[in-house]
Amino acid sequence: METLLPVFVLIVIFGFTYATIYILVRKKERMALLEKGVDASIWLTPNKPSVQGVRFGLLFIGVAIGILLGATLVETTSLNEEAAYFSMIFMFGGIGLVITHFIERKEINKTK
């Protein structure tokens, strides 16, 4: 686990840099549109059901199940520890996001 620390640090650094640049570019775009006199309603999103809480909830449930099953794989098989944990975390986190996609699509179809 100690060998993964530099990877996590790099991910955080790149993520912070990307977010900062994204915010600055978005601010410039908005200022340019305001200078041209464009209506601010283009930034408003249409009313759609919010499933953000469900998305994160199912993602975190999937990650937790992945951690538990990764630990089980490490104890019961000769699989490498990193491979077991990461494969299970990504698999069950992805399953949680796929389930959220279907829930969101169902809610959008219900509002139409």
PDB file of N, CA and C in Angstrom:
ATOM      1  N   MET A   1       0.823  -1.185   0.000  1.00  0.00           N
ATOM      2  CA  MET A   1       0.000   0.000   0.000  1.00  0.00           C
ATOM      3  C   MET A   1       0.873   1.257   0.000  1.00  0.00           C
ATOM      4  N   GLU A   2       2.085   1.146   0.517  1.00  0.00           N
ATOM      5  CA  GLU A   2       2.959   2.324   0.563  1.00  0.00           C
ATOM      6  C   GLU A   2       3.427   2.720  -0.824  1.00  0.00           C
ATOM      7  N   THR A   3       3.470   1.765  -1.739  1.00  0.00           N
ATOM      8  CA  THR A   3       3.894   2.087  -3.098  1.00  0.00           C
ATOM      9  C   THR A   3       2.818   2.828  -3.873  1.00  0.00           C
ATOM     10  N   LEU A   4       1.589   2.804  -3.398  1.00  0.00           N
ATOM     11  CA  LEU A   4       0.502   3.490  -4.075  1.00  0.00           C
ATOM     12  C   LEU A   4       0.384   4.955  -3.673  1.00  0.00           C
ATOM     13  N   LEU A   5       1.056   5.357  -2.617  1.00  0.00           N
ATOM     14  CA  LEU A   5       0.958   6.738  -2.152  1.00  0.00           C
ATOM     15  C   LEU A   5       1.381   7.744  -3.217  1.00  0.00           C
ATOM     16  N   PRO A   6       2.500   7.550  -3.909  1.00  0.00           N
ATOM     17  CA  PRO A   6       2.856   8.524  -4.960  1.00  0.00           C
ATOM     18  C   PRO A   6       1.825   8.587  -6.084  1.00  0.00           C
ATOM     19  N   VAL A   7       1.182   7.477  -6.373  1.00  0.00           N
ATOM     20  CA  VAL A   7       0.150   7.473  -7.412  1.00  0.00           C
ATOM     21  C   VAL A   7      -1.033   8.322  -6.978  1.00  0.00           C
ATOM     22  N   PHE A   8      -1.464   8.153  -5.735  1.00  0.00           N
ATOM     23  CA  PHE A   8      -2.581   8.947  -5.231  1.00  0.00           C
ATOM     24  C   PHE A   8      -2.227  10.428  -5.187  1.00  0.00           C
ATOM     25  N   VAL A   9      -1.008  10.758  -4.809  1.00  0.00           N
ATOM     26  CA  VAL A   9      -0.571  12.153  -4.769  1.00  0.00           C
ATOM     27  C   VAL A   9      -0.607  12.751  -6.178  1.00  0.00           C
ATOM     28  N   LEU A  10      -0.128  12.001  -7.162  1.00  0.00           N
ATOM     29  CA  LEU A  10      -0.161  12.490  -8.548  1.00  0.00           C
ATOM     30  C   LEU A  10      -1.588  12.675  -9.045  1.00  0.00           C
ATOM     31  N   ILE A  11      -2.466  11.749  -8.697  1.00  0.00           N
ATOM     32  CA  ILE A  11      -3.868  11.886  -9.101  1.00  0.00           C
ATOM     33  C   ILE A  11      -4.479  13.143  -8.499  1.00  0.00           C
ATOM     34  N   VAL A  12      -4.211  13.405  -7.235  1.00  0.00           N
ATOM     35  CA  VAL A  12      -4.748  14.602  -6.580  1.00  0.00           C
ATOM     36  C   VAL A  12      -4.178  15.868  -7.220  1.00  0.00           C
ATOM     37  N   ILE A  13      -2.891  15.875  -7.512  1.00  0.00           N
ATOM     38  CA  ILE A  13      -2.274  17.056  -8.124  1.00  0.00           C
ATOM     39  C   ILE A  13      -2.869  17.322  -9.503  1.00  0.00           C
ATOM     40  N   PHE A  14      -2.960  16.285 -10.336  1.00  0.00           N
ATOM     41  CA  PHE A  14      -3.526  16.466 -11.668  1.00  0.00           C
ATOM     42  C   PHE A  14      -5.001  16.844 -11.598  1.00  0.00           C
ATOM     43  N   GLY A  15      -5.746  16.249 -10.680  1.00  0.00           N
ATOM     44  CA  GLY A  15      -7.155  16.598 -10.524  1.00  0.00           C
ATOM     45  C   GLY A  15      -7.343  18.049 -10.104  1.00  0.00           C
ATOM     46  N   PHE A  16      -6.528  18.501  -9.166  1.00  0.00           N
ATOM     47  CA  PHE A  16      -6.618  19.886  -8.716  1.00  0.00           C
ATOM     48  C   PHE A  16      -6.258  20.850  -9.843  1.00  0.00           C
ATOM     49  N   THR A  17      -5.218  20.514 -10.607  1.00  0.00           N
ATOM     50  CA  THR A  17      -4.810  21.361 -11.728  1.00  0.00           C
ATOM     51  C   THR A  17      -5.915  21.420 -12.780  1.00  0.00           C
ATOM     52  N   TYR A  18      -6.500  20.278 -13.120  1.00  0.00           N
ATOM     53  CA  TYR A  18      -7.576  20.233 -14.105  1.00  0.00           C
ATOM     54  C   TYR A  18      -8.780  21.052 -13.638  1.00  0.00           C
ATOM     55  N   ALA A  19      -9.162  20.903 -12.379  1.00  0.00           N
ATOM     56  CA  ALA A  19     -10.313  21.638 -11.864  1.00  0.00           C
ATOM     57  C   ALA A  19     -10.058  23.143 -11.889  1.00  0.00           C
ATOM     58  N   THR A  20      -8.865  23.559 -11.530  1.00  0.00           N
ATOM     59  CA  THR A  20      -8.537  24.980 -11.538  1.00  0.00           C
ATOM     60  C   THR A  20      -8.609  25.554 -12.951  1.00  0.00           C
ATOM     61  N   ILE A  21      -8.014  24.855 -13.905  1.00  0.00           N
ATOM     62  CA  ILE A  21      -8.048  25.327 -15.294  1.00  0.00           C
ATOM     63  C   ILE A  21      -9.474  25.338 -15.816  1.00  0.00           C
ATOM     64  N   TYR A  22     -10.257  24.322 -15.497  1.00  0.00           N
ATOM     65  CA  TYR A  22     -11.651  24.256 -15.940  1.00  0.00           C
ATOM     66  C   TYR A  22     -12.450  25.443 -15.411  1.00  0.00           C
ATOM     67  N   ILE A  23     -12.275  25.769 -14.147  1.00  0.00           N
ATOM     68  CA  ILE A  23     -13.006  26.894 -13.556  1.00  0.00           C
ATOM     69  C   ILE A  23     -12.596  28.211 -14.197  1.00  0.00           C
ATOM     70  N   LEU A  24     -11.308  28.393 -14.438  1.00  0.00           N
ATOM     71  CA  LEU A  24     -10.847  29.635 -15.063  1.00  0.00           C
ATOM     72  C   LEU A  24     -11.359  29.776 -16.492  1.00  0.00           C
ATOM     73  N   VAL A  25     -11.346  28.707 -17.268  1.00  0.00           N
ATOM     74  CA  VAL A  25     -11.843  28.763 -18.642  1.00  0.00           C
ATOM     75  C   VAL A  25     -13.335  29.027 -18.654  1.00  0.00           C
ATOM     76  N   ARG A  26     -14.058  28.384 -17.769  1.00  0.00           N
ATOM     77  CA  ARG A  26     -15.509  28.596 -17.711  1.00  0.00           C
ATOM     78  C   ARG A  26     -15.839  30.038 -17.343  1.00  0.00           C
ATOM     79  N   LYS A  27     -15.059  30.624 -16.436  1.00  0.00           N
ATOM     80  CA  LYS A  27     -15.282  32.011 -16.053  1.00  0.00           C
ATOM     81  C   LYS A  27     -15.049  32.928 -17.255  1.00  0.00           C
ATOM     82  N   LYS A  28     -13.991  32.664 -18.030  1.00  0.00           N
ATOM     83  CA  LYS A  28     -13.715  33.485 -19.216  1.00  0.00           C
ATOM     84  C   LYS A  28     -14.845  33.364 -20.238  1.00  0.00           C
ATOM     85  N   GLU A  29     -15.361  32.158 -20.432  1.00  0.00           N
ATOM     86  CA  GLU A  29     -16.468  31.967 -21.364  1.00  0.00           C
ATOM     87  C   GLU A  29     -17.693  32.753 -20.932  1.00  0.00           C
ATOM     88  N   ARG A  30     -18.009  32.684 -19.665  1.00  0.00           N
ATOM     89  CA  ARG A  30     -19.182  33.413 -19.167  1.00  0.00           C
ATOM     90  C   ARG A  30     -19.005  34.922 -19.286  1.00  0.00           C
ATOM     91  N   MET A  31     -17.812  35.392 -18.985  1.00  0.00           N
ATOM     92  CA  MET A  31     -17.564  36.834 -19.099  1.00  0.00           C
ATOM     93  C   MET A  31     -17.675  37.281 -20.558  1.00  0.00           C
ATOM     94  N   ALA A  32     -17.176  36.481 -21.491  1.00  0.00           N
ATOM     95  CA  ALA A  32     -17.272  36.827 -22.907  1.00  0.00           C
ATOM     96  C   ALA A  32     -18.730  36.852 -23.364  1.00  0.00           C
ATOM     97  N   LEU A  33     -19.522  35.890 -22.900  1.00  0.00           N
ATOM     98  CA  LEU A  33     -20.935  35.874 -23.271  1.00  0.00           C
ATOM     99  C   LEU A  33     -21.685  37.054 -22.667  1.00  0.00           C
ATOM    100  N   LEU A  34     -21.348  37.433 -21.453  1.00  0.00           N
ATOM    101  CA  LEU A  34     -21.999  38.573 -20.826  1.00  0.00           C
ATOM    102  C   LEU A  34     -21.631  39.873 -21.526  1.00  0.00           C
ATOM    103  N   GLU A  35     -20.391  39.983 -21.994  1.00  0.00           N
ATOM    104  CA  GLU A  35     -19.984  41.179 -22.725  1.00  0.00           C
ATOM    105  C   GLU A  35     -20.728  41.305 -24.046  1.00  0.00           C
ATOM    106  N   LYS A  36     -21.083  40.190 -24.664  1.00  0.00           N
ATOM    107  CA  LYS A  36     -21.835  40.215 -25.919  1.00  0.00           C
ATOM    108  C   LYS A  36     -23.321  40.457 -25.688  1.00  0.00           C
ATOM    109  N   GLY A  37     -23.756  40.400 -24.443  1.00  0.00           N
ATOM    110  CA  GLY A  37     -25.162  40.645 -24.128  1.00  0.00           C
ATOM    111  C   GLY A  37     -26.047  39.425 -24.270  1.00  0.00           C
ATOM    112  N   VAL A  38     -25.482  38.259 -24.186  1.00  0.00           N
ATOM    113  CA  VAL A  38     -26.246  37.022 -24.299  1.00  0.00           C
ATOM    114  C   VAL A  38     -27.044  36.807 -23.016  1.00  0.00           C
ATOM    115  N   ASP A  39     -28.253  36.288 -23.171  1.00  0.00           N
ATOM    116  CA  ASP A  39     -29.118  36.025 -22.024  1.00  0.00           C
ATOM    117  C   ASP A  39     -28.499  34.956 -21.130  1.00  0.00           C
ATOM    118  N   ALA A  40     -28.623  35.123 -19.832  1.00  0.00           N
ATOM    119  CA  ALA A  40     -28.024  34.196 -18.869  1.00  0.00           C
ATOM    120  C   ALA A  40     -28.806  32.892 -18.744  1.00  0.00           C
ATOM    121  N   SER A  41     -29.931  32.770 -19.437  1.00  0.00           N
ATOM    122  CA  SER A  41     -30.744  31.554 -19.312  1.00  0.00           C
ATOM    123  C   SER A  41     -30.076  30.345 -19.957  1.00  0.00           C
ATOM    124  N   ILE A  42     -29.016  30.540 -20.741  1.00  0.00           N
ATOM    125  CA  ILE A  42     -28.352  29.379 -21.345  1.00  0.00           C
ATOM    126  C   ILE A  42     -27.633  28.549 -20.298  1.00  0.00           C
ATOM    127  N   TRP A  43     -27.359  29.112 -19.133  1.00  0.00           N
ATOM    128  CA  TRP A  43     -26.682  28.370 -18.073  1.00  0.00           C
ATOM    129  C   TRP A  43     -27.649  27.595 -17.193  1.00  0.00           C
ATOM    130  N   LEU A  44     -28.924  27.843 -17.335  1.00  0.00           N
ATOM    131  CA  LEU A  44     -29.907  27.131 -16.530  1.00  0.00           C
ATOM    132  C   LEU A  44     -30.160  25.757 -17.129  1.00  0.00           C
ATOM    133  N   THR A  45     -30.240  24.763 -16.285  1.00  0.00           N
ATOM    134  CA  THR A  45     -30.541  23.416 -16.755  1.00  0.00           C
ATOM    135  C   THR A  45     -32.032  23.181 -16.655  1.00  0.00           C
ATOM    136  N   PRO A  46     -32.586  22.391 -17.557  1.00  0.00           N
ATOM    137  CA  PRO A  46     -34.020  22.110 -17.463  1.00  0.00           C
ATOM    138  C   PRO A  46     -34.323  21.294 -16.215  1.00  0.00           C
ATOM    139  N   ASN A  47     -35.559  21.372 -15.780  1.00  0.00           N
ATOM    140  CA  ASN A  47     -35.964  20.625 -14.588  1.00  0.00           C
ATOM    141  C   ASN A  47     -35.936  19.136 -14.890  1.00  0.00           C
ATOM    142  N   LYS A  48     -35.029  18.440 -14.267  1.00  0.00           N
ATOM    143  CA  LYS A  48     -34.981  16.996 -14.390  1.00  0.00           C
ATOM    144  C   LYS A  48     -34.757  16.425 -12.996  1.00  0.00           C
ATOM    145  N   PRO A  49     -35.189  15.215 -12.787  1.00  0.00           N
ATOM    146  CA  PRO A  49     -35.046  14.645 -11.448  1.00  0.00           C
ATOM    147  C   PRO A  49     -33.577  14.519 -11.054  1.00  0.00           C
ATOM    148  N   SER A  50     -33.298  14.848  -9.818  1.00  0.00           N
ATOM    149  CA  SER A  50     -31.934  14.784  -9.322  1.00  0.00           C
ATOM    150  C   SER A  50     -31.698  13.430  -8.670  1.00  0.00           C
ATOM    151  N   VAL A  51     -30.743  12.710  -9.202  1.00  0.00           N
ATOM    152  CA  VAL A  51     -30.409  11.405  -8.649  1.00  0.00           C
ATOM    153  C   VAL A  51     -28.960  11.393  -8.183  1.00  0.00           C
ATOM    154  N   GLN A  52     -28.421  12.570  -7.924  1.00  0.00           N
ATOM    155  CA  GLN A  52     -27.022  12.667  -7.522  1.00  0.00           C
ATOM    156  C   GLN A  52     -26.766  11.878  -6.233  1.00  0.00           C
ATOM    157  N   GLY A  53     -27.664  11.976  -5.287  1.00  0.00           N
ATOM    158  CA  GLY A  53     -27.503  11.242  -4.039  1.00  0.00           C
ATOM    159  C   GLY A  53     -27.556   9.745  -4.245  1.00  0.00           C
ATOM    160  N   VAL A  54     -28.462   9.306  -5.097  1.00  0.00           N
ATOM    161  CA  VAL A  54     -28.569   7.882  -5.399  1.00  0.00           C
ATOM    162  C   VAL A  54     -27.304   7.412  -6.111  1.00  0.00           C
ATOM    163  N   ARG A  55     -26.793   8.235  -7.036  1.00  0.00           N
ATOM    164  CA  ARG A  55     -25.582   7.867  -7.780  1.00  0.00           C
ATOM    165  C   ARG A  55     -24.411   7.646  -6.831  1.00  0.00           C
ATOM    166  N   PHE A  56     -24.168   8.621  -5.959  1.00  0.00           N
ATOM    167  CA  PHE A  56     -23.043   8.482  -5.036  1.00  0.00           C
ATOM    168  C   PHE A  56     -23.283   7.370  -4.019  1.00  0.00           C
ATOM    169  N   GLY A  57     -24.505   7.219  -3.590  1.00  0.00           N
ATOM    170  CA  GLY A  57     -24.817   6.160  -2.633  1.00  0.00           C
ATOM    171  C   GLY A  57     -24.543   4.787  -3.198  1.00  0.00           C
ATOM    172  N   LEU A  58     -25.018   4.529  -4.410  1.00  0.00           N
ATOM    173  CA  LEU A  58     -24.776   3.228  -5.020  1.00  0.00           C
ATOM    174  C   LEU A  58     -23.304   3.030  -5.372  1.00  0.00           C
ATOM    175  N   LEU A  59     -22.620   4.103  -5.754  1.00  0.00           N
ATOM    176  CA  LEU A  59     -21.187   3.991  -6.022  1.00  0.00           C
ATOM    177  C   LEU A  59     -20.433   3.586  -4.760  1.00  0.00           C
ATOM    178  N   PHE A  60     -20.727   4.246  -3.645  1.00  0.00           N
ATOM    179  CA  PHE A  60     -20.028   3.942  -2.401  1.00  0.00           C
ATOM    180  C   PHE A  60     -20.402   2.560  -1.859  1.00  0.00           C
ATOM    181  N   ILE A  61     -21.661   2.145  -2.048  1.00  0.00           N
ATOM    182  CA  ILE A  61     -22.050   0.791  -1.662  1.00  0.00           C
ATOM    183  C   ILE A  61     -21.276  -0.226  -2.489  1.00  0.00           C
ATOM    184  N   GLY A  62     -21.151   0.042  -3.796  1.00  0.00           N
ATOM    185  CA  GLY A  62     -20.382  -0.851  -4.657  1.00  0.00           C
ATOM    186  C   GLY A  62     -18.923  -0.916  -4.267  1.00  0.00           C
ATOM    187  N   VAL A  63     -18.336   0.229  -3.919  1.00  0.00           N
ATOM    188  CA  VAL A  63     -16.932   0.253  -3.486  1.00  0.00           C
ATOM    189  C   VAL A  63     -16.764  -0.536  -2.188  1.00  0.00           C
ATOM    190  N   ALA A  64     -17.688  -0.371  -1.264  1.00  0.00           N
ATOM    191  CA  ALA A  64     -17.601  -1.101   0.005  1.00  0.00           C
ATOM    192  C   ALA A  64     -17.718  -2.607  -0.215  1.00  0.00           C
ATOM    193  N   ILE A  65     -18.646  -3.022  -1.065  1.00  0.00           N
ATOM    194  CA  ILE A  65     -18.766  -4.452  -1.367  1.00  0.00           C
ATOM    195  C   ILE A  65     -17.500  -4.943  -2.056  1.00  0.00           C
ATOM    196  N   GLY A  66     -16.937  -4.111  -2.936  1.00  0.00           N
ATOM    197  CA  GLY A  66     -15.692  -4.478  -3.611  1.00  0.00           C
ATOM    198  C   GLY A  66     -14.545  -4.663  -2.640  1.00  0.00           C
ATOM    199  N   ILE A  67     -14.442  -3.793  -1.648  1.00  0.00           N
ATOM    200  CA  ILE A  67     -13.387  -3.931  -0.641  1.00  0.00           C
ATOM    201  C   ILE A  67     -13.573  -5.219   0.161  1.00  0.00           C
ATOM    202  N   LEU A  68     -14.805  -5.494   0.548  1.00  0.00           N
ATOM    203  CA  LEU A  68     -15.070  -6.720   1.306  1.00  0.00           C
ATOM    204  C   LEU A  68     -14.755  -7.969   0.488  1.00  0.00           C
ATOM    205  N   LEU A  69     -15.187  -7.993  -0.765  1.00  0.00           N
ATOM    206  CA  LEU A  69     -14.919  -9.172  -1.588  1.00  0.00           C
ATOM    207  C   LEU A  69     -13.449  -9.258  -1.981  1.00  0.00           C
ATOM    208  N   GLY A  70     -12.768  -8.117  -2.115  1.00  0.00           N
ATOM    209  CA  GLY A  70     -11.332  -8.137  -2.358  1.00  0.00           C
ATOM    210  C   GLY A  70     -10.583  -8.754  -1.195  1.00  0.00           C
ATOM    211  N   ALA A  71     -10.979  -8.397   0.011  1.00  0.00           N
ATOM    212  CA  ALA A  71     -10.350  -8.992   1.200  1.00  0.00           C
ATOM    213  C   ALA A  71     -10.630 -10.485   1.264  1.00  0.00           C
ATOM    214  N   THR A  72     -11.829 -10.873   0.881  1.00  0.00           N
ATOM    215  CA  THR A  72     -12.167 -12.294   0.858  1.00  0.00           C
ATOM    216  C   THR A  72     -11.319 -13.038  -0.176  1.00  0.00           C
ATOM    217  N   LEU A  73     -11.128 -12.430  -1.348  1.00  0.00           N
ATOM    218  CA  LEU A  73     -10.298 -13.061  -2.373  1.00  0.00           C
ATOM    219  C   LEU A  73      -8.853 -13.197  -1.928  1.00  0.00           C
ATOM    220  N   VAL A  74      -8.343 -12.196  -1.241  1.00  0.00           N
ATOM    221  CA  VAL A  74      -6.961 -12.253  -0.767  1.00  0.00           C
ATOM    222  C   VAL A  74      -6.793 -13.388   0.233  1.00  0.00           C
ATOM    223  N   GLU A  75      -7.770 -13.558   1.100  1.00  0.00           N
ATOM    224  CA  GLU A  75      -7.665 -14.589   2.140  1.00  0.00           C
ATOM    225  C   GLU A  75      -7.886 -15.998   1.601  1.00  0.00           C
ATOM    226  N   THR A  76      -8.739 -16.145   0.606  1.00  0.00           N
ATOM    227  CA  THR A  76      -9.112 -17.495   0.166  1.00  0.00           C
ATOM    228  C   THR A  76      -8.355 -17.975  -1.067  1.00  0.00           C
ATOM    229  N   THR A  77      -7.748 -17.066  -1.825  1.00  0.00           N
ATOM    230  CA  THR A  77      -7.028 -17.477  -3.036  1.00  0.00           C
ATOM    231  C   THR A  77      -5.586 -16.981  -2.963  1.00  0.00           C
ATOM    232  N   SER A  78      -4.827 -17.349  -3.967  1.00  0.00           N
ATOM    233  CA  SER A  78      -3.444 -16.872  -4.039  1.00  0.00           C
ATOM    234  C   SER A  78      -3.326 -15.656  -4.942  1.00  0.00           C
ATOM    235  N   LEU A  79      -4.423 -14.965  -5.161  1.00  0.00           N
ATOM    236  CA  LEU A  79      -4.444 -13.775  -6.020  1.00  0.00           C
ATOM    237  C   LEU A  79      -3.671 -12.641  -5.348  1.00  0.00           C
ATOM    238  N   ASN A  80      -2.983 -11.851  -6.154  1.00  0.00           N
ATOM    239  CA  ASN A  80      -2.223 -10.714  -5.668  1.00  0.00           C
ATOM    240  C   ASN A  80      -3.155  -9.735  -4.933  1.00  0.00           C
ATOM    241  N   GLU A  81      -2.688  -9.147  -3.849  1.00  0.00           N
ATOM    242  CA  GLU A  81      -3.537  -8.282  -3.024  1.00  0.00           C
ATOM    243  C   GLU A  81      -4.050  -7.072  -3.794  1.00  0.00           C
ATOM    244  N   GLU A  82      -3.173  -6.377  -4.521  1.00  0.00           N
ATOM    245  CA  GLU A  82      -3.589  -5.185  -5.255  1.00  0.00           C
ATOM    246  C   GLU A  82      -4.594  -5.532  -6.348  1.00  0.00           C
ATOM    247  N   ALA A  83      -4.343  -6.636  -7.038  1.00  0.00           N
ATOM    248  CA  ALA A  83      -5.246  -7.051  -8.113  1.00  0.00           C
ATOM    249  C   ALA A  83      -6.629  -7.386  -7.556  1.00  0.00           C
ATOM    250  N   ALA A  84      -6.657  -8.071  -6.436  1.00  0.00           N
ATOM    251  CA  ALA A  84      -7.939  -8.447  -5.847  1.00  0.00           C
ATOM    252  C   ALA A  84      -8.731  -7.219  -5.420  1.00  0.00           C
ATOM    253  N   TYR A  85      -8.091  -6.304  -4.706  1.00  0.00           N
ATOM    254  CA  TYR A  85      -8.801  -5.133  -4.224  1.00  0.00           C
ATOM    255  C   TYR A  85      -9.267  -4.239  -5.369  1.00  0.00           C
ATOM    256  N   PHE A  86      -8.347  -3.894  -6.272  1.00  0.00           N
ATOM    257  CA  PHE A  86      -8.713  -2.955  -7.339  1.00  0.00           C
ATOM    258  C   PHE A  86      -9.754  -3.548  -8.286  1.00  0.00           C
ATOM    259  N   SER A  87      -9.629  -4.826  -8.624  1.00  0.00           N
ATOM    260  CA  SER A  87     -10.606  -5.419  -9.534  1.00  0.00           C
ATOM    261  C   SER A  87     -11.995  -5.432  -8.920  1.00  0.00           C
ATOM    262  N   MET A  88     -12.081  -5.789  -7.656  1.00  0.00           N
ATOM    263  CA  MET A  88     -13.390  -5.843  -7.012  1.00  0.00           C
ATOM    264  C   MET A  88     -13.979  -4.444  -6.812  1.00  0.00           C
ATOM    265  N   ILE A  89     -13.140  -3.482  -6.432  1.00  0.00           N
ATOM    266  CA  ILE A  89     -13.627  -2.116  -6.223  1.00  0.00           C
ATOM    267  C   ILE A  89     -14.165  -1.548  -7.529  1.00  0.00           C
ATOM    268  N   PHE A  90     -13.390  -1.698  -8.613  1.00  0.00           N
ATOM    269  CA  PHE A  90     -13.844  -1.150  -9.893  1.00  0.00           C
ATOM    270  C   PHE A  90     -15.058  -1.900 -10.425  1.00  0.00           C
ATOM    271  N   MET A  91     -15.093  -3.206 -10.246  1.00  0.00           N
ATOM    272  CA  MET A  91     -16.220  -3.971 -10.758  1.00  0.00           C
ATOM    273  C   MET A  91     -17.513  -3.593 -10.042  1.00  0.00           C
ATOM    274  N   PHE A  92     -17.508  -3.589  -8.716  1.00  0.00           N
ATOM    275  CA  PHE A  92     -18.743  -3.305  -8.001  1.00  0.00           C
ATOM    276  C   PHE A  92     -19.087  -1.809  -8.009  1.00  0.00           C
ATOM    277  N   GLY A  93     -18.081  -0.937  -8.061  1.00  0.00           N
ATOM    278  CA  GLY A  93     -18.371   0.485  -8.241  1.00  0.00           C
ATOM    279  C   GLY A  93     -19.023   0.737  -9.582  1.00  0.00           C
ATOM    280  N   GLY A  94     -18.526   0.067 -10.632  1.00  0.00           N
ATOM    281  CA  GLY A  94     -19.124   0.188 -11.961  1.00  0.00           C
ATOM    282  C   GLY A  94     -20.534  -0.368 -12.003  1.00  0.00           C
ATOM    283  N   ILE A  95     -20.756  -1.477 -11.331  1.00  0.00           N
ATOM    284  CA  ILE A  95     -22.106  -2.040 -11.278  1.00  0.00           C
ATOM    285  C   ILE A  95     -23.065  -1.055 -10.603  1.00  0.00           C
ATOM    286  N   GLY A  96     -22.597  -0.401  -9.543  1.00  0.00           N
ATOM    287  CA  GLY A  96     -23.431   0.607  -8.876  1.00  0.00           C
ATOM    288  C   GLY A  96     -23.775   1.759  -9.795  1.00  0.00           C
ATOM    289  N   LEU A  97     -22.804   2.199 -10.613  1.00  0.00           N
ATOM    290  CA  LEU A  97     -23.072   3.293 -11.549  1.00  0.00           C
ATOM    291  C   LEU A  97     -24.004   2.864 -12.674  1.00  0.00           C
ATOM    292  N   VAL A  98     -23.890   1.619 -13.130  1.00  0.00           N
ATOM    293  CA  VAL A  98     -24.805   1.122 -14.162  1.00  0.00           C
ATOM    294  C   VAL A  98     -26.229   1.060 -13.618  1.00  0.00           C
ATOM    295  N   ILE A  99     -26.390   0.592 -12.401  1.00  0.00           N
ATOM    296  CA  ILE A  99     -27.715   0.563 -11.779  1.00  0.00           C
ATOM    297  C   ILE A  99     -28.276   1.976 -11.670  1.00  0.00           C
ATOM    298  N   THR A 100     -27.425   2.930 -11.291  1.00  0.00           N
ATOM    299  CA  THR A 100     -27.873   4.318 -11.200  1.00  0.00           C
ATOM    300  C   THR A 100     -28.304   4.849 -12.558  1.00  0.00           C
ATOM    301  N   HIS A 101     -27.602   4.460 -13.616  1.00  0.00           N
ATOM    302  CA  HIS A 101     -27.977   4.896 -14.961  1.00  0.00           C
ATOM    303  C   HIS A 101     -29.392   4.442 -15.296  1.00  0.00           C
ATOM    304  N   PHE A 102     -29.712   3.175 -14.996  1.00  0.00           N
ATOM    305  CA  PHE A 102     -31.039   2.671 -15.295  1.00  0.00           C
ATOM    306  C   PHE A 102     -32.104   3.352 -14.430  1.00  0.00           C
ATOM    307  N   ILE A 103     -31.785   3.648 -13.176  1.00  0.00           N
ATOM    308  CA  ILE A 103     -32.729   4.364 -12.315  1.00  0.00           C
ATOM    309  C   ILE A 103     -32.969   5.764 -12.858  1.00  0.00           C
ATOM    310  N   GLU A 104     -31.902   6.442 -13.278  1.00  0.00           N
ATOM    311  CA  GLU A 104     -32.031   7.797 -13.811  1.00  0.00           C
ATOM    312  C   GLU A 104     -32.830   7.790 -15.111  1.00  0.00           C
ATOM    313  N   ARG A 105     -32.575   6.826 -15.975  1.00  0.00           N
ATOM    314  CA  ARG A 105     -33.310   6.751 -17.236  1.00  0.00           C
ATOM    315  C   ARG A 105     -34.796   6.496 -16.975  1.00  0.00           C
ATOM    316  N   LYS A 106     -35.100   5.677 -15.979  1.00  0.00           N
ATOM    317  CA  LYS A 106     -36.488   5.397 -15.630  1.00  0.00           C
ATOM    318  C   LYS A 106     -37.179   6.672 -15.121  1.00  0.00           C
ATOM    319  N   GLU A 107     -36.479   7.446 -14.301  1.00  0.00           N
ATOM    320  CA  GLU A 107     -37.040   8.687 -13.774  1.00  0.00           C
ATOM    321  C   GLU A 107     -37.263   9.714 -14.877  1.00  0.00           C
ATOM    322  N   ILE A 108     -36.327   9.811 -15.825  1.00  0.00           N
ATOM    323  CA  ILE A 108     -36.495  10.748 -16.930  1.00  0.00           C
ATOM    324  C   ILE A 108     -37.671  10.348 -17.798  1.00  0.00           C
ATOM    325  N   ASN A 109     -37.821   9.049 -18.070  1.00  0.00           N
ATOM    326  CA  ASN A 109     -38.961   8.595 -18.865  1.00  0.00           C
ATOM    327  C   ASN A 109     -40.283   8.820 -18.131  1.00  0.00           C
ATOM    328  N   LYS A 110     -40.245   8.752 -16.806  1.00  0.00           N
ATOM    329  CA  LYS A 110     -41.455   8.968 -16.021  1.00  0.00           C
ATOM    330  C   LYS A 110     -41.911  10.427 -16.087  1.00  0.00           C
ATOM    331  N   THR A 111     -40.951  11.372 -16.149  1.00  0.00           N
ATOM    332  CA  THR A 111     -41.311  12.788 -16.180  1.00  0.00           C
ATOM    333  C   THR A 111     -41.778  13.256 -17.550  1.00  0.00           C
ATOM    334  N   LYS A 112     -41.501  12.480 -18.609  1.00  0.00           N
ATOM    335  CA  LYS A 112     -41.920  12.888 -19.958  1.00  0.00           C
ATOM    336  C   LYS A 112     -43.370  12.650 -20.195  1.00  0.00           C
TER     337      LYS A 112
END
